[in-house]
Protein backbone atom coordinates (compact mmCIF):
# COMPACT_ATOMS: atom_id res chain seq x y z
CA UNK A 1 125.61 202.93 84.53
CA UNK A 2 128.06 200.22 83.49
CA UNK A 3 130.56 202.72 82.02
CA UNK A 4 132.12 203.36 85.46
CA UNK A 5 133.50 199.80 85.49
CA UNK A 6 136.52 198.54 83.56
CA UNK A 7 137.65 195.06 82.50
CA UNK A 8 140.33 193.31 84.55
CA UNK A 9 143.62 192.33 82.97
CA UNK A 10 143.98 188.60 82.32
CA UNK A 11 147.06 186.49 81.64
CA UNK A 12 147.77 182.98 80.39
CA UNK A 13 147.91 180.38 83.18
CA UNK A 14 151.47 179.17 83.76
CA UNK A 15 152.44 175.54 83.28
CA UNK A 16 152.53 173.57 86.53
CA UNK A 17 149.88 175.71 88.21
CA UNK A 18 147.91 174.19 91.08
CA UNK A 19 144.66 175.17 92.79
CA UNK A 20 143.55 175.91 96.34
CA UNK A 21 142.21 172.93 98.21
CA UNK A 22 140.19 173.30 101.39
CA UNK A 23 142.28 172.75 104.50
CA UNK A 24 141.59 172.31 108.15
CA UNK A 25 144.22 172.93 110.72
CA UNK A 26 143.82 170.64 113.71
CA UNK A 27 145.95 171.04 116.85
CA UNK A 28 149.23 169.13 116.55
CA UNK A 29 148.95 167.84 120.11
CA UNK A 30 145.83 167.09 122.12
CA UNK A 31 144.96 165.48 125.46
CA UNK A 32 142.07 163.13 126.16
CA UNK A 33 140.32 166.04 127.86
CA UNK A 34 140.38 168.23 124.71
CA UNK A 35 137.10 168.79 122.84
CA UNK A 36 136.35 165.95 120.41
CA UNK A 37 136.14 168.48 117.57
CA UNK A 38 139.93 169.01 117.95
CA UNK A 39 140.43 165.58 116.33
CA UNK A 40 137.47 165.54 113.91
CA UNK A 41 137.99 166.02 110.20
CA UNK A 42 135.39 168.68 109.39
CA UNK A 43 133.98 167.99 105.93
CA UNK A 44 132.91 171.62 105.55
CA UNK A 45 136.64 172.45 105.57
CA UNK A 46 138.22 169.37 103.98
CA UNK A 47 137.01 167.55 100.89
CA UNK A 48 136.30 163.91 101.54
CA UNK A 49 137.88 161.48 99.11
CA UNK A 50 135.23 159.33 97.46
CA UNK A 51 134.90 156.49 94.99
CA UNK A 52 132.08 154.82 93.05
CA UNK A 53 130.77 151.38 94.02
CA UNK A 54 131.59 150.06 90.51
CA UNK A 55 135.27 151.04 90.79
CA UNK A 56 137.79 148.22 90.96
CA UNK A 57 139.21 147.48 94.41
CA UNK A 58 142.75 148.05 93.09
CA UNK A 59 141.83 151.54 91.78
CA UNK A 60 140.23 152.39 95.15
CA UNK A 61 143.40 151.26 96.94
CA UNK A 62 145.55 153.36 94.59
CA UNK A 63 143.32 156.37 95.33
CA UNK A 64 143.77 155.89 99.09
CA UNK A 65 147.54 155.77 98.63
CA UNK A 66 147.53 158.84 96.36
CA UNK A 67 145.56 160.95 98.85
CA UNK A 68 147.20 159.52 101.98
CA UNK A 69 143.92 158.29 103.45
CA UNK A 70 142.81 154.90 104.75
CA UNK A 71 139.09 155.28 104.02
CA UNK A 72 136.95 156.36 101.07
CA UNK A 73 133.25 157.21 101.04
CA UNK A 74 131.48 155.17 98.38
CA UNK A 75 128.93 157.13 96.33
CA UNK A 76 126.11 155.88 94.13
CA UNK A 77 125.12 157.38 90.78
CA UNK A 78 123.03 160.06 92.54
CA UNK A 79 125.98 161.25 94.69
CA UNK A 80 124.34 159.63 97.73
CA UNK A 81 126.34 157.55 100.21
CA UNK A 82 126.32 153.88 99.26
CA UNK A 83 128.89 152.84 101.87
CA UNK A 84 132.53 153.13 102.77
CA UNK A 85 135.69 151.19 102.06
CA UNK A 86 138.81 151.13 104.21
CA UNK A 87 142.38 150.02 103.67
CA UNK A 88 141.59 147.14 106.05
CA UNK A 89 138.78 146.03 103.70
CA UNK A 90 141.20 146.02 100.76
CA UNK A 91 144.22 144.49 102.51
CA UNK A 92 142.37 142.19 104.93
CA UNK A 93 140.40 138.96 104.49
CA UNK A 94 137.40 140.36 102.59
CA UNK A 95 138.92 140.05 99.07
CA UNK A 96 139.98 136.43 99.71
CA UNK A 97 136.54 135.52 101.07
CA UNK A 98 134.88 137.16 98.06
CA UNK A 99 137.07 135.15 95.64
CA UNK A 100 136.39 131.90 97.54
CA UNK A 101 132.63 132.50 97.29
CA UNK A 102 132.38 134.04 93.83
CA UNK A 103 135.49 132.92 91.96
CA UNK A 104 137.38 135.17 89.59
CA UNK A 105 140.66 136.99 90.10
CA UNK A 106 141.85 139.80 92.34
CA UNK A 107 141.39 142.26 89.45
CA UNK A 108 137.66 141.35 89.23
CA UNK A 109 136.87 142.61 92.74
CA UNK A 110 134.86 145.82 92.81
CA UNK A 111 134.46 148.26 95.71
CA UNK A 112 130.81 147.16 96.10
CA UNK A 113 131.97 143.57 96.71
CA UNK A 114 133.90 144.36 99.89
CA UNK A 115 132.63 147.74 101.14
CA UNK A 116 130.61 148.36 104.29
CA UNK A 117 127.17 149.23 102.94
CA UNK A 118 125.21 152.29 103.97
CA UNK A 119 122.76 150.03 105.88
CA UNK A 120 125.67 148.72 107.99
CA UNK A 121 127.16 152.15 108.72
CA UNK A 122 126.74 153.69 112.15
CA UNK A 123 127.19 157.41 112.69
CA UNK A 124 127.74 159.68 115.67
CA UNK A 125 125.48 162.70 116.09
CA UNK A 126 127.30 166.03 115.65
CA UNK A 127 125.41 167.48 118.64
CA UNK A 128 126.82 164.70 120.87
CA UNK A 129 130.30 165.18 119.36
CA UNK A 130 130.24 168.92 120.16
CA UNK A 131 129.80 168.03 123.87
CA UNK A 132 132.30 165.14 123.87
CA UNK A 133 136.01 164.92 124.67
CA UNK A 134 138.81 163.21 122.72
CA UNK A 135 138.79 160.41 125.31
CA UNK A 136 135.10 159.74 124.60
CA UNK A 137 135.87 159.30 120.90
CA UNK A 138 138.80 156.96 121.66
CA UNK A 139 136.54 154.82 123.87
CA UNK A 140 133.78 154.84 121.21
CA UNK A 141 136.17 153.58 118.52
CA UNK A 142 137.71 151.03 120.89
CA UNK A 143 134.30 149.67 121.98
CA UNK A 144 133.20 149.36 118.33
CA UNK A 145 136.58 147.85 117.23
CA UNK A 146 136.73 150.45 114.45
CA UNK A 147 139.42 152.66 112.97
CA UNK A 148 136.96 155.26 111.68
CA UNK A 149 133.69 156.80 112.72
CA UNK A 150 131.44 159.07 110.72
CA UNK A 151 129.70 162.09 112.21
CA UNK A 152 126.30 163.17 110.87
CA UNK A 153 124.02 166.15 111.29
CA UNK A 154 120.29 165.57 111.13
CA UNK A 155 117.95 168.05 109.47
CA UNK A 156 114.47 168.79 110.92
CA UNK A 157 112.96 166.49 108.26
CA UNK A 158 115.16 163.61 109.50
CA UNK A 159 117.62 163.52 106.60
CA UNK A 160 121.22 162.99 107.60
CA UNK A 161 124.37 164.56 106.18
CA UNK A 162 127.86 163.26 106.92
CA UNK A 163 129.68 166.33 108.23
CA UNK A 164 132.80 164.88 109.85
CA UNK A 165 134.85 161.83 110.55
CA UNK A 166 137.24 160.45 113.13
CA UNK A 167 140.31 158.32 112.40
CA UNK A 168 141.98 156.47 115.29
CA UNK A 169 145.35 156.80 113.51
CA UNK A 170 145.01 160.58 113.32
CA UNK A 171 143.85 160.78 116.95
CA UNK A 172 146.82 158.62 118.03
CA UNK A 173 149.24 160.97 116.24
CA UNK A 174 147.63 164.04 117.83
CA UNK A 175 147.92 162.38 121.25
CA UNK A 176 151.64 161.88 120.57
CA UNK A 177 151.58 158.11 119.96
CA UNK A 178 154.07 156.63 117.50
CA UNK A 179 151.85 154.73 115.08
CA UNK A 180 154.10 151.97 113.70
CA UNK A 181 151.50 150.06 111.73
CA UNK A 182 147.79 150.36 111.17
CA UNK A 183 146.70 147.36 113.22
CA UNK A 184 143.82 148.49 115.39
CA UNK A 185 145.04 146.69 118.54
CA UNK A 186 148.55 148.15 118.31
CA UNK A 187 147.18 151.65 117.68
CA UNK A 188 145.12 151.44 120.89
CA UNK A 189 148.16 150.00 122.73
CA UNK A 190 150.23 153.01 121.55
CA UNK A 191 147.54 155.40 122.77
CA UNK A 192 147.40 153.66 126.16
CA UNK A 193 151.21 153.84 126.43
CA UNK A 194 151.12 157.61 125.85
CA UNK A 195 148.31 158.02 128.40
CA UNK A 196 150.27 156.02 130.99
CA UNK A 197 153.25 158.39 130.59
CA UNK A 198 151.23 161.56 131.05
């Protein structure tokens, strides 16, 4: 009996309309003893910003600036993870080394030329993260000399899915550190200064 239903009224979409984007609300302030998940970007709640391996480095950098992120996941043609690229990759020594070895100009550099490949990526296990504290994550990033860490879940068949990520800059802000620049050493120094005061 479809006659008991009636059509909904529709209207023309107004100019300048936006759309809902997934959001995650993390605590503004945390302590080292807080659960690690309080500082993890949960990819079931926030869309990760991605780029293709064949994209130019300059376009990838522009995308990071546009979305206010310092890391992009790099996807292959099958939407599988090919690697990741960070602002440090783009603004550091990698482009210069690539040009010295391969020649060409800055505009010729592709994401694939300077990214960290999937084979080089290390991930944290989500089950370990669920039991960890913010301080454990800070020490993990410090020991690895990294600004970011990926978190993966593993299915019974052994396949992995990236389900979260940590950013030392975000953690520093949540701990109350004033992040002046994005140098890894100074970010850790800021975190240690905040810890010393508490």
